[in-house]
Amino acid sequence: MQIGYKLATEQYGPQELIRQAIAAEAAGFDFVEMSDHYHPWLDDQGHSAFTWSVLGAIAAKTERIRLVTGVTCPSMRYHPAIVAQAAATMALVSEGRFVLGVGSGERLNEHVTGSGWPAVSERHARFREALEIIRLLWQGGYRSYEGKHLRLEDARVFDLPPEPPLMAVAASGPASCRIAAELGDALFATEEKPEIVRYYREAGGTGPGYAEVPMAWAESESEGAQSALKYFRWALTGWKVMSELPNPVNFEAATAQVREEDIRQRFACGNDPQRYLEVARPFAEAGYDRLVLMNAGPDPRGFLDFCDAQLIGRLKQELGG
């Protein structure tokens, strides 16, 4: 069992993200996972720095902690050749501590280049082609690729690490789990549904499973729930909504009816370690062994201290078997 800390690029500016990553390493986290967005989910969040620049700075300022994108879409806003190059460079500058988390994307981030937002079947097809291109470029040499949706012409990544970085593939159903099993090294999910891990294993996937666990640390349960309601209520919309809405204003409308009671049911709020274990346990029981703690509370430093003193060790001890 490994425990990670979520760096929310939508919630904090780049300098603060770097400070949090350094503090997460000191607190004993095994890795940090950073979202790769163009827009925040909600205007109130107010940030959306360029993830790859921040990752490079974190790699330079840390020594042990692993770095994970959670997740990058390599088939729309970025061309996969660019992602292959960026990931190879990150693997080098981090001295092997980088994991490339990839997914088929959300309209929120990918529509901005004006290329449209295709149906889910085409998104999966584009995603598969993108991963094939990344794998091809990581083999070295000049490479070309002719797909239905994506192309590559005489491209070579010159700076390659001795071993390519691990690639964790986001999945939520049978089709995406097959892509994860066939082209990835690990599974990435945002829900504790055991069938996701089962689909992945049945498709031949053997790697670890990453999952984000919703938390909102504060001195009181009410304070944590109110912070999560203000900044993280988008997380309750479900993947079908999260993948389709184009802008933060749409998420404002879609979440107008979310209540504090709904937040308390989904998030671990407050400062009781037992409640945090209760929320994390279903993820571990579903088969995920890389738990990413996603804090929606108002005090990230307080949460990191809480994790250091009371939570990381207990999670590993009670859920790591």
C-alpha atoms as a PDB file:
ATOM      1  CA  MET A   1       0.000   0.000   0.000  1.00  0.00           C
ATOM      2  CA  GLN A   2       1.268   3.440  -0.972  1.00  0.00           C
ATOM      3  CA  ILE A   3      -0.308   6.737   0.076  1.00  0.00           C
ATOM      4  CA  GLY A   4      -0.297   9.801  -2.169  1.00  0.00           C
ATOM      5  CA  TYR A   5      -1.236  13.439  -1.761  1.00  0.00           C
ATOM      6  CA  LYS A   6      -3.388  15.232  -4.339  1.00  0.00           C
ATOM      7  CA  LEU A   7      -1.974  18.517  -5.612  1.00  0.00           C
ATOM      8  CA  ALA A   8      -5.051  20.397  -6.811  1.00  0.00           C
ATOM      9  CA  THR A   9      -3.919  22.698  -9.606  1.00  0.00           C
ATOM     10  CA  GLU A  10      -7.461  24.119  -9.704  1.00  0.00           C
ATOM     11  CA  GLN A  11      -7.329  25.145  -6.046  1.00  0.00           C
ATOM     12  CA  TYR A  12      -3.855  26.619  -5.561  1.00  0.00           C
ATOM     13  CA  GLY A  13      -1.303  28.648  -7.496  1.00  0.00           C
ATOM     14  CA  PRO A  14       1.968  27.129  -8.711  1.00  0.00           C
ATOM     15  CA  GLN A  15       4.218  28.368  -5.883  1.00  0.00           C
ATOM     16  CA  GLU A  16       1.832  26.960  -3.271  1.00  0.00           C
ATOM     17  CA  LEU A  17       1.664  23.626  -5.090  1.00  0.00           C
ATOM     18  CA  ILE A  18       5.448  23.382  -4.951  1.00  0.00           C
ATOM     19  CA  ARG A  19       5.427  24.183  -1.233  1.00  0.00           C
ATOM     20  CA  GLN A  20       2.768  21.540  -0.610  1.00  0.00           C
ATOM     21  CA  ALA A  21       4.752  18.907  -2.514  1.00  0.00           C
ATOM     22  CA  ILE A  22       7.850  19.597  -0.414  1.00  0.00           C
ATOM     23  CA  ALA A  23       5.729  19.381   2.747  1.00  0.00           C
ATOM     24  CA  ALA A  24       4.113  16.141   1.540  1.00  0.00           C
ATOM     25  CA  GLU A  25       7.542  14.567   1.143  1.00  0.00           C
ATOM     26  CA  ALA A  26       8.455  15.647   4.683  1.00  0.00           C
ATOM     27  CA  ALA A  27       5.145  14.251   5.991  1.00  0.00           C
ATOM     28  CA  GLY A  28       5.943  10.784   4.657  1.00  0.00           C
ATOM     29  CA  PHE A  29       3.739  10.529   1.576  1.00  0.00           C
ATOM     30  CA  ASP A  30       4.960   8.088  -1.073  1.00  0.00           C
ATOM     31  CA  PHE A  31       3.902  10.216  -4.035  1.00  0.00           C
ATOM     32  CA  VAL A  32       2.085  13.358  -5.091  1.00  0.00           C
ATOM     33  CA  GLU A  33      -0.512  13.301  -7.844  1.00  0.00           C
ATOM     34  CA  MET A  34      -1.218  16.464  -9.820  1.00  0.00           C
ATOM     35  CA  SER A  35      -4.237  17.207 -12.019  1.00  0.00           C
ATOM     36  CA  ASP A  36      -3.545  18.488 -15.546  1.00  0.00           C
ATOM     37  CA  HIS A  37      -6.259  21.043 -16.338  1.00  0.00           C
ATOM     38  CA  TYR A  38      -6.763  24.094 -18.500  1.00  0.00           C
ATOM     39  CA  HIS A  39      -9.757  25.325 -16.453  1.00  0.00           C
ATOM     40  CA  PRO A  40     -10.714  24.848 -12.812  1.00  0.00           C
ATOM     41  CA  TRP A  41     -13.941  22.958 -12.102  1.00  0.00           C
ATOM     42  CA  LEU A  42     -15.484  26.022 -10.440  1.00  0.00           C
ATOM     43  CA  ASP A  43     -14.687  29.728 -10.693  1.00  0.00           C
ATOM     44  CA  ASP A  44     -14.344  29.871  -6.908  1.00  0.00           C
ATOM     45  CA  GLN A  45     -11.314  27.592  -7.147  1.00  0.00           C
ATOM     46  CA  GLY A  46      -9.607  30.216  -9.274  1.00  0.00           C
ATOM     47  CA  HIS A  47      -6.419  28.499 -10.501  1.00  0.00           C
ATOM     48  CA  SER A  48      -5.122  26.324 -13.323  1.00  0.00           C
ATOM     49  CA  ALA A  49      -1.334  26.470 -13.681  1.00  0.00           C
ATOM     50  CA  PHE A  50       0.550  24.534 -16.358  1.00  0.00           C
ATOM     51  CA  THR A  51       1.135  21.196 -14.681  1.00  0.00           C
ATOM     52  CA  TRP A  52       4.352  20.240 -16.468  1.00  0.00           C
ATOM     53  CA  SER A  53       6.184  23.398 -15.399  1.00  0.00           C
ATOM     54  CA  VAL A  54       5.197  22.838 -11.783  1.00  0.00           C
ATOM     55  CA  LEU A  55       6.214  19.168 -11.931  1.00  0.00           C
ATOM     56  CA  GLY A  56       9.700  20.118 -13.085  1.00  0.00           C
ATOM     57  CA  ALA A  57      10.095  22.520 -10.187  1.00  0.00           C
ATOM     58  CA  ILE A  58       8.869  19.890  -7.714  1.00  0.00           C
ATOM     59  CA  ALA A  59      11.322  17.343  -9.104  1.00  0.00           C
ATOM     60  CA  ALA A  60      14.168  19.814  -8.564  1.00  0.00           C
ATOM     61  CA  LYS A  61      13.128  20.611  -4.978  1.00  0.00           C
ATOM     62  CA  THR A  62      12.400  17.071  -3.720  1.00  0.00           C
ATOM     63  CA  GLU A  63      14.512  13.944  -3.370  1.00  0.00           C
ATOM     64  CA  ARG A  64      12.353  10.901  -2.660  1.00  0.00           C
ATOM     65  CA  ILE A  65       8.690  11.447  -3.388  1.00  0.00           C
ATOM     66  CA  ARG A  66       7.271  10.119  -6.675  1.00  0.00           C
ATOM     67  CA  LEU A  67       5.371  12.376  -9.091  1.00  0.00           C
ATOM     68  CA  VAL A  68       2.193  11.344 -10.912  1.00  0.00           C
ATOM     69  CA  THR A  69      -0.063  13.173 -13.358  1.00  0.00           C
ATOM     70  CA  GLY A  70      -3.685  12.611 -12.465  1.00  0.00           C
ATOM     71  CA  VAL A  71      -4.458  12.638 -15.326  1.00  0.00           C
ATOM     72  CA  THR A  72      -3.174  13.983 -18.658  1.00  0.00           C
ATOM     73  CA  CYS A  73      -5.234  13.612 -21.813  1.00  0.00           C
ATOM     74  CA  PRO A  74      -2.738  12.819 -24.621  1.00  0.00           C
ATOM     75  CA  SER A  75      -5.213  12.797 -27.502  1.00  0.00           C
ATOM     76  CA  MET A  76      -6.920  16.216 -27.710  1.00  0.00           C
ATOM     77  CA  ARG A  77      -5.362  19.390 -26.245  1.00  0.00           C
ATOM     78  CA  TYR A  78      -1.933  17.750 -26.406  1.00  0.00           C
ATOM     79  CA  HIS A  79      -0.659  15.610 -29.256  1.00  0.00           C
ATOM     80  CA  PRO A  80       0.731  12.305 -27.918  1.00  0.00           C
ATOM     81  CA  ALA A  81       4.169  13.098 -29.382  1.00  0.00           C
ATOM     82  CA  ILE A  82       4.367  16.078 -27.012  1.00  0.00           C
ATOM     83  CA  VAL A  83       3.237  13.998 -24.035  1.00  0.00           C
ATOM     84  CA  ALA A  84       5.776  11.271 -24.867  1.00  0.00           C
ATOM     85  CA  GLN A  85       8.547  13.881 -24.926  1.00  0.00           C
ATOM     86  CA  ALA A  86       7.349  15.629 -21.756  1.00  0.00           C
ATOM     87  CA  ALA A  87       7.043  12.366 -19.802  1.00  0.00           C
ATOM     88  CA  ALA A  88      10.473  11.163 -20.911  1.00  0.00           C
ATOM     89  CA  THR A  89      11.997  14.457 -19.778  1.00  0.00           C
ATOM     90  CA  MET A  90      10.182  14.274 -16.426  1.00  0.00           C
ATOM     91  CA  ALA A  91      11.472  10.735 -15.902  1.00  0.00           C
ATOM     92  CA  LEU A  92      15.009  12.026 -16.433  1.00  0.00           C
ATOM     93  CA  VAL A  93      14.852  15.170 -14.299  1.00  0.00           C
ATOM     94  CA  SER A  94      13.107  13.280 -11.472  1.00  0.00           C
ATOM     95  CA  GLU A  95      15.651  10.433 -11.708  1.00  0.00           C
ATOM     96  CA  GLY A  96      13.002   7.795 -12.295  1.00  0.00           C
ATOM     97  CA  ARG A  97      10.359   9.090  -9.892  1.00  0.00           C
ATOM     98  CA  PHE A  98       7.731   9.976 -12.505  1.00  0.00           C
ATOM     99  CA  VAL A  99       4.522   8.079 -13.376  1.00  0.00           C
ATOM    100  CA  LEU A 100       2.480   9.234 -16.372  1.00  0.00           C
ATOM    101  CA  GLY A 101      -1.217   9.118 -15.521  1.00  0.00           C
ATOM    102  CA  VAL A 102      -3.360   9.380 -18.657  1.00  0.00           C
ATOM    103  CA  GLY A 103      -7.066   9.505 -19.492  1.00  0.00           C
ATOM    104  CA  SER A 104      -9.425  10.199 -22.371  1.00  0.00           C
ATOM    105  CA  GLY A 105     -10.094  13.700 -21.044  1.00  0.00           C
ATOM    106  CA  GLU A 106     -12.888  16.062 -20.051  1.00  0.00           C
ATOM    107  CA  ARG A 107     -14.523  18.601 -22.300  1.00  0.00           C
ATOM    108  CA  LEU A 108     -13.760  21.223 -19.627  1.00  0.00           C
ATOM    109  CA  ASN A 109     -10.102  21.159 -20.645  1.00  0.00           C
ATOM    110  CA  GLU A 110      -9.908  19.712 -24.126  1.00  0.00           C
ATOM    111  CA  HIS A 111     -12.405  21.825 -26.087  1.00  0.00           C
ATOM    112  CA  VAL A 112     -10.297  24.961 -25.719  1.00  0.00           C
ATOM    113  CA  THR A 113      -8.283  24.380 -28.920  1.00  0.00           C
ATOM    114  CA  GLY A 114     -11.470  24.484 -31.000  1.00  0.00           C
ATOM    115  CA  SER A 115     -11.232  20.948 -32.356  1.00  0.00           C
ATOM    116  CA  GLY A 116     -14.608  19.911 -30.941  1.00  0.00           C
ATOM    117  CA  TRP A 117     -15.579  17.267 -28.398  1.00  0.00           C
ATOM    118  CA  PRO A 118     -16.316  13.870 -29.989  1.00  0.00           C
ATOM    119  CA  ALA A 119     -18.586  11.114 -28.730  1.00  0.00           C
ATOM    120  CA  VAL A 120     -17.180   8.695 -26.174  1.00  0.00           C
ATOM    121  CA  SER A 121     -16.545   5.945 -28.750  1.00  0.00           C
ATOM    122  CA  GLU A 122     -14.302   8.247 -30.774  1.00  0.00           C
ATOM    123  CA  ARG A 123     -12.600   9.531 -27.622  1.00  0.00           C
ATOM    124  CA  HIS A 124     -11.682   5.972 -26.695  1.00  0.00           C
ATOM    125  CA  ALA A 125     -10.403   5.290 -30.224  1.00  0.00           C
ATOM    126  CA  ARG A 126      -8.293   8.464 -30.181  1.00  0.00           C
ATOM    127  CA  PHE A 127      -7.030   7.593 -26.720  1.00  0.00           C
ATOM    128  CA  ARG A 128      -5.932   4.120 -27.804  1.00  0.00           C
ATOM    129  CA  GLU A 129      -4.070   5.577 -30.775  1.00  0.00           C
ATOM    130  CA  ALA A 130      -2.411   8.161 -28.533  1.00  0.00           C
ATOM    131  CA  LEU A 131      -1.096   5.501 -26.149  1.00  0.00           C
ATOM    132  CA  GLU A 132       0.196   3.459 -29.073  1.00  0.00           C
ATOM    133  CA  ILE A 133       2.083   6.528 -30.321  1.00  0.00           C
ATOM    134  CA  ILE A 134       3.584   7.202 -26.887  1.00  0.00           C
ATOM    135  CA  ARG A 135       4.736   3.589 -26.583  1.00  0.00           C
ATOM    136  CA  LEU A 136       6.186   3.725 -30.084  1.00  0.00           C
ATOM    137  CA  LEU A 137       8.192   6.875 -29.405  1.00  0.00           C
ATOM    138  CA  TRP A 138       9.536   5.485 -26.137  1.00  0.00           C
ATOM    139  CA  GLN A 139      11.138   2.662 -28.119  1.00  0.00           C
ATOM    140  CA  GLY A 140      13.569   5.185 -29.590  1.00  0.00           C
ATOM    141  CA  GLY A 141      14.483   6.080 -33.146  1.00  0.00           C
ATOM    142  CA  TYR A 142      12.464   7.894 -35.782  1.00  0.00           C
ATOM    143  CA  ARG A 143       8.849   6.791 -35.804  1.00  0.00           C
ATOM    144  CA  SER A 144       5.756   7.331 -37.939  1.00  0.00           C
ATOM    145  CA  TYR A 145       2.149   6.315 -37.282  1.00  0.00           C
ATOM    146  CA  GLU A 146      -0.968   6.437 -39.413  1.00  0.00           C
ATOM    147  CA  GLY A 147      -4.159   6.082 -37.396  1.00  0.00           C
ATOM    148  CA  LYS A 148      -7.778   6.866 -38.073  1.00  0.00           C
ATOM    149  CA  HIS A 149      -7.645   9.926 -35.826  1.00  0.00           C
ATOM    150  CA  LEU A 150      -3.977  10.659 -35.062  1.00  0.00           C
ATOM    151  CA  ARG A 151      -0.798  10.726 -37.097  1.00  0.00           C
ATOM    152  CA  LEU A 152       2.920  10.895 -36.467  1.00  0.00           C
ATOM    153  CA  GLU A 153       5.565  11.755 -39.036  1.00  0.00           C
ATOM    154  CA  ASP A 154       9.300  11.087 -38.600  1.00  0.00           C
ATOM    155  CA  ALA A 155       9.327  11.930 -34.897  1.00  0.00           C
ATOM    156  CA  ARG A 156      12.004  10.958 -32.408  1.00  0.00           C
ATOM    157  CA  VAL A 157      12.334  11.602 -28.680  1.00  0.00           C
ATOM    158  CA  PHE A 158      16.078  12.088 -28.278  1.00  0.00           C
ATOM    159  CA  ASP A 159      16.256  12.223 -24.473  1.00  0.00           C
ATOM    160  CA  LEU A 160      14.888   8.926 -23.214  1.00  0.00           C
ATOM    161  CA  PRO A 161      15.331   7.484 -19.702  1.00  0.00           C
ATOM    162  CA  PRO A 162      16.958   4.031 -19.289  1.00  0.00           C
ATOM    163  CA  GLU A 163      13.475   2.643 -18.647  1.00  0.00           C
ATOM    164  CA  PRO A 164      10.258   4.331 -19.806  1.00  0.00           C
ATOM    165  CA  PRO A 165       8.073   5.767 -17.040  1.00  0.00           C
ATOM    166  CA  LEU A 166       5.181   3.692 -15.822  1.00  0.00           C
ATOM    167  CA  MET A 167       1.865   4.681 -17.391  1.00  0.00           C
ATOM    168  CA  ALA A 168      -1.303   4.583 -15.257  1.00  0.00           C
ATOM    169  CA  VAL A 169      -4.464   4.605 -17.385  1.00  0.00           C
ATOM    170  CA  ALA A 170      -7.733   6.088 -16.097  1.00  0.00           C
ATOM    171  CA  ALA A 171     -10.755   3.836 -16.495  1.00  0.00           C
ATOM    172  CA  SER A 172     -14.379   3.681 -15.405  1.00  0.00           C
ATOM    173  CA  GLY A 173     -15.926   0.832 -17.411  1.00  0.00           C
ATOM    174  CA  PRO A 174     -15.136  -2.291 -19.448  1.00  0.00           C
ATOM    175  CA  ALA A 175     -13.953  -0.463 -22.591  1.00  0.00           C
ATOM    176  CA  SER A 176     -11.514   1.843 -20.826  1.00  0.00           C
ATOM    177  CA  CYS A 177     -10.344  -0.996 -18.558  1.00  0.00           C
ATOM    178  CA  ARG A 178      -9.378  -2.989 -21.643  1.00  0.00           C
ATOM    179  CA  ILE A 179      -7.277  -0.055 -22.862  1.00  0.00           C
ATOM    180  CA  ALA A 180      -5.657   0.183 -19.420  1.00  0.00           C
ATOM    181  CA  ALA A 181      -4.852  -3.521 -19.381  1.00  0.00           C
ATOM    182  CA  GLU A 182      -3.527  -3.651 -22.940  1.00  0.00           C
ATOM    183  CA  LEU A 183      -1.498  -0.430 -23.111  1.00  0.00           C
ATOM    184  CA  GLY A 184      -0.901   0.699 -19.525  1.00  0.00           C
ATOM    185  CA  ASP A 185       1.159  -0.394 -16.543  1.00  0.00           C
ATOM    186  CA  ALA A 186      -1.390   0.542 -13.877  1.00  0.00           C
ATOM    187  CA  LEU A 187      -5.035   1.469 -13.351  1.00  0.00           C
ATOM    188  CA  PHE A 188      -6.303   4.898 -12.303  1.00  0.00           C
ATOM    189  CA  ALA A 189      -9.840   5.546 -10.993  1.00  0.00           C
ATOM    190  CA  THR A 190     -11.875   8.054  -9.013  1.00  0.00           C
ATOM    191  CA  GLU A 191     -14.538   5.663  -7.687  1.00  0.00           C
ATOM    192  CA  GLU A 192     -14.330   2.815  -5.201  1.00  0.00           C
ATOM    193  CA  LYS A 193     -16.374   0.471  -7.414  1.00  0.00           C
ATOM    194  CA  PRO A 194     -14.798  -3.014  -7.221  1.00  0.00           C
ATOM    195  CA  GLU A 195     -16.049  -3.859 -10.719  1.00  0.00           C
ATOM    196  CA  ILE A 196     -13.545  -1.393 -12.206  1.00  0.00           C
ATOM    197  CA  VAL A 197     -10.641  -3.376 -10.777  1.00  0.00           C
ATOM    198  CA  ARG A 198     -12.377  -6.597 -11.803  1.00  0.00           C
ATOM    199  CA  TYR A 199     -12.769  -5.426 -15.415  1.00  0.00           C
ATOM    200  CA  TYR A 200      -9.101  -4.460 -15.443  1.00  0.00           C
ATOM    201  CA  ARG A 201      -7.946  -7.824 -14.076  1.00  0.00           C
ATOM    202  CA  GLU A 202     -10.237  -9.788 -16.393  1.00  0.00           C
ATOM    203  CA  ALA A 203      -8.753  -7.906 -19.353  1.00  0.00           C
ATOM    204  CA  GLY A 204      -5.271  -9.010 -18.276  1.00  0.00           C
ATOM    205  CA  GLY A 205      -4.169  -5.994 -16.245  1.00  0.00           C
ATOM    206  CA  THR A 206      -1.651  -6.850 -13.537  1.00  0.00           C
ATOM    207  CA  GLY A 207      -0.404  -3.452 -12.352  1.00  0.00           C
ATOM    208  CA  PRO A 208      -1.218  -1.419  -9.243  1.00  0.00           C
ATOM    209  CA  GLY A 209      -4.446   0.545  -8.859  1.00  0.00           C
ATOM    210  CA  TYR A 210      -4.509   4.290  -8.142  1.00  0.00           C
ATOM    211  CA  ALA A 211      -7.667   5.821  -6.651  1.00  0.00           C
ATOM    212  CA  GLU A 212      -8.550   9.255  -5.267  1.00  0.00           C
ATOM    213  CA  VAL A 213     -10.105   9.269  -1.774  1.00  0.00           C
ATOM    214  CA  PRO A 214     -12.277  12.338  -0.933  1.00  0.00           C
ATOM    215  CA  MET A 215     -11.334  14.093   2.317  1.00  0.00           C
ATOM    216  CA  ALA A 216     -11.876  17.530   3.868  1.00  0.00           C
ATOM    217  CA  TRP A 217      -9.708  18.090   6.924  1.00  0.00           C
ATOM    218  CA  ALA A 218     -10.629  20.863   9.367  1.00  0.00           C
ATOM    219  CA  GLU A 219     -10.859  21.389  13.105  1.00  0.00           C
ATOM    220  CA  SER A 220     -14.577  20.567  12.911  1.00  0.00           C
ATOM    221  CA  GLU A 221     -16.668  18.343  10.684  1.00  0.00           C
ATOM    222  CA  SER A 222     -18.893  21.271   9.718  1.00  0.00           C
ATOM    223  CA  GLU A 223     -15.963  23.456   8.661  1.00  0.00           C
ATOM    224  CA  GLY A 224     -14.558  20.683   6.480  1.00  0.00           C
ATOM    225  CA  ALA A 225     -17.929  19.949   4.883  1.00  0.00           C
ATOM    226  CA  GLN A 226     -18.567  23.634   4.129  1.00  0.00           C
ATOM    227  CA  SER A 227     -15.184  23.978   2.426  1.00  0.00           C
ATOM    228  CA  ALA A 228     -15.776  20.857   0.323  1.00  0.00           C
ATOM    229  CA  LEU A 229     -19.242  22.102  -0.593  1.00  0.00           C
ATOM    230  CA  LYS A 230     -17.856  25.426  -1.804  1.00  0.00           C
ATOM    231  CA  TYR A 231     -14.846  24.167  -3.735  1.00  0.00           C
ATOM    232  CA  PHE A 232     -15.257  20.447  -4.452  1.00  0.00           C
ATOM    233  CA  ARG A 233     -18.975  19.776  -4.945  1.00  0.00           C
ATOM    234  CA  TRP A 234     -18.218  19.051  -8.612  1.00  0.00           C
ATOM    235  CA  ALA A 235     -16.814  15.702  -7.455  1.00  0.00           C
ATOM    236  CA  LEU A 236     -20.361  14.467  -6.746  1.00  0.00           C
ATOM    237  CA  THR A 237     -21.599  14.922 -10.325  1.00  0.00           C
ATOM    238  CA  GLY A 238     -20.299  11.589 -11.630  1.00  0.00           C
ATOM    239  CA  TRP A 239     -18.091  10.860 -14.594  1.00  0.00           C
ATOM    240  CA  LYS A 240     -20.753  11.251 -17.292  1.00  0.00           C
ATOM    241  CA  VAL A 241     -21.347  14.844 -16.181  1.00  0.00           C
ATOM    242  CA  MET A 242     -17.715  15.612 -15.390  1.00  0.00           C
ATOM    243  CA  SER A 243     -16.556  14.572 -18.847  1.00  0.00           C
ATOM    244  CA  GLU A 244     -19.165  16.522 -20.826  1.00  0.00           C
ATOM    245  CA  LEU A 245     -19.567  20.043 -19.386  1.00  0.00           C
ATOM    246  CA  PRO A 246     -17.434  22.708 -21.102  1.00  0.00           C
ATOM    247  CA  ASN A 247     -16.827  25.471 -18.553  1.00  0.00           C
ATOM    248  CA  PRO A 248     -16.818  26.229 -14.811  1.00  0.00           C
ATOM    249  CA  VAL A 249     -20.109  28.121 -15.135  1.00  0.00           C
ATOM    250  CA  ASN A 250     -21.761  24.881 -16.273  1.00  0.00           C
ATOM    251  CA  PHE A 251     -20.470  23.075 -13.204  1.00  0.00           C
ATOM    252  CA  GLU A 252     -21.837  25.902 -11.056  1.00  0.00           C
ATOM    253  CA  ALA A 253     -25.287  25.223 -12.491  1.00  0.00           C
ATOM    254  CA  ALA A 254     -24.978  21.443 -12.367  1.00  0.00           C
ATOM    255  CA  THR A 255     -24.056  21.468  -8.672  1.00  0.00           C
ATOM    256  CA  ALA A 256     -26.454  24.129  -7.410  1.00  0.00           C
ATOM    257  CA  GLN A 257     -28.553  21.543  -5.566  1.00  0.00           C
ATOM    258  CA  VAL A 258     -25.696  19.719  -3.826  1.00  0.00           C
ATOM    259  CA  ARG A 259     -26.161  19.920  -0.050  1.00  0.00           C
ATOM    260  CA  GLU A 260     -23.745  19.790   2.854  1.00  0.00           C
ATOM    261  CA  GLU A 261     -25.396  16.497   3.809  1.00  0.00           C
ATOM    262  CA  ASP A 262     -24.379  15.046   0.425  1.00  0.00           C
ATOM    263  CA  ILE A 263     -20.790  16.131   1.025  1.00  0.00           C
ATOM    264  CA  ARG A 264     -20.673  14.488   4.464  1.00  0.00           C
ATOM    265  CA  GLN A 265     -21.816  11.188   2.993  1.00  0.00           C
ATOM    266  CA  ARG A 266     -19.056  11.164   0.398  1.00  0.00           C
ATOM    267  CA  PHE A 267     -16.137  12.972   2.096  1.00  0.00           C
ATOM    268  CA  ALA A 268     -14.310  12.319   5.345  1.00  0.00           C
ATOM    269  CA  CYS A 269     -14.772  15.689   7.079  1.00  0.00           C
ATOM    270  CA  GLY A 270     -13.268  17.040  10.294  1.00  0.00           C
ATOM    271  CA  ASN A 271     -10.370  15.621  12.300  1.00  0.00           C
ATOM    272  CA  ASP A 272     -11.426  12.116  13.402  1.00  0.00           C
ATOM    273  CA  PRO A 273      -8.934   9.553  12.000  1.00  0.00           C
ATOM    274  CA  GLN A 274     -11.558   6.806  12.263  1.00  0.00           C
ATOM    275  CA  ARG A 275     -13.830   8.576   9.776  1.00  0.00           C
ATOM    276  CA  TYR A 276     -10.931   8.861   7.329  1.00  0.00           C
ATOM    277  CA  LEU A 277     -10.311   5.140   7.624  1.00  0.00           C
ATOM    278  CA  GLU A 278     -14.013   4.455   6.999  1.00  0.00           C
ATOM    279  CA  VAL A 279     -13.945   6.442   3.759  1.00  0.00           C
ATOM    280  CA  ALA A 280     -10.655   4.939   2.555  1.00  0.00           C
ATOM    281  CA  ARG A 281     -11.486   1.311   3.404  1.00  0.00           C
ATOM    282  CA  PRO A 282     -13.851   0.613   0.454  1.00  0.00           C
ATOM    283  CA  PHE A 283     -11.126   1.703  -1.973  1.00  0.00           C
ATOM    284  CA  ALA A 284      -8.644  -0.722  -0.441  1.00  0.00           C
ATOM    285  CA  GLU A 285     -11.217  -3.513  -0.319  1.00  0.00           C
ATOM    286  CA  ALA A 286     -12.013  -2.902  -3.998  1.00  0.00           C
ATOM    287  CA  GLY A 287      -8.383  -3.655  -4.837  1.00  0.00           C
ATOM    288  CA  TYR A 288      -6.717  -0.245  -5.058  1.00  0.00           C
ATOM    289  CA  ASP A 289      -3.247  -0.140  -3.493  1.00  0.00           C
ATOM    290  CA  ARG A 290      -2.225   3.442  -4.354  1.00  0.00           C
ATOM    291  CA  LEU A 291      -4.577   5.683  -2.380  1.00  0.00           C
ATOM    292  CA  VAL A 292      -4.486   9.393  -3.258  1.00  0.00           C
ATOM    293  CA  LEU A 293      -5.742  11.583  -0.400  1.00  0.00           C
ATOM    294  CA  MET A 294      -7.695  14.471  -1.958  1.00  0.00           C
ATOM    295  CA  ASN A 295      -8.145  17.195   0.653  1.00  0.00           C
ATOM    296  CA  ALA A 296     -11.016  19.633   0.089  1.00  0.00           C
ATOM    297  CA  GLY A 297     -10.592  21.272   3.484  1.00  0.00           C
ATOM    298  CA  PRO A 298      -9.529  24.888   4.093  1.00  0.00           C
ATOM    299  CA  ASP A 299      -6.104  24.206   5.658  1.00  0.00           C
ATOM    300  CA  PRO A 300      -3.674  22.104   3.578  1.00  0.00           C
ATOM    301  CA  ARG A 301      -0.858  22.460   6.108  1.00  0.00           C
ATOM    302  CA  GLY A 302      -3.113  21.265   8.903  1.00  0.00           C
ATOM    303  CA  PHE A 303      -4.108  18.290   6.772  1.00  0.00           C
ATOM    304  CA  LEU A 304      -0.472  17.417   6.042  1.00  0.00           C
ATOM    305  CA  ASP A 305       0.372  17.562   9.758  1.00  0.00           C
ATOM    306  CA  PHE A 306      -2.665  15.384  10.511  1.00  0.00           C
ATOM    307  CA  CYS A 307      -1.572  12.846   7.905  1.00  0.00           C
ATOM    308  CA  ASP A 308       1.964  12.782   9.271  1.00  0.00           C
ATOM    309  CA  ALA A 309       0.926  12.368  12.893  1.00  0.00           C
ATOM    310  CA  GLN A 310      -2.229  10.267  12.697  1.00  0.00           C
ATOM    311  CA  LEU A 311      -3.253   8.994   9.283  1.00  0.00           C
ATOM    312  CA  ILE A 312      -0.582   7.655   6.903  1.00  0.00           C
ATOM    313  CA  GLY A 313       0.709   5.015   9.301  1.00  0.00           C
ATOM    314  CA  ARG A 314      -2.796   3.848  10.216  1.00  0.00           C
ATOM    315  CA  LEU A 315      -3.877   3.614   6.604  1.00  0.00           C
ATOM    316  CA  LYS A 316      -0.907   1.427   5.751  1.00  0.00           C
ATOM    317  CA  GLN A 317      -1.249  -0.671   8.874  1.00  0.00           C
ATOM    318  CA  GLU A 318      -5.016  -1.279   8.699  1.00  0.00           C
ATOM    319  CA  LEU A 319      -5.621  -1.270   4.944  1.00  0.00           C
ATOM    320  CA  GLY A 320      -2.319  -2.398   3.494  1.00  0.00           C
ATOM    321  CA  GLY A 321      -2.645  -6.114   4.132  1.00  0.00           C
END
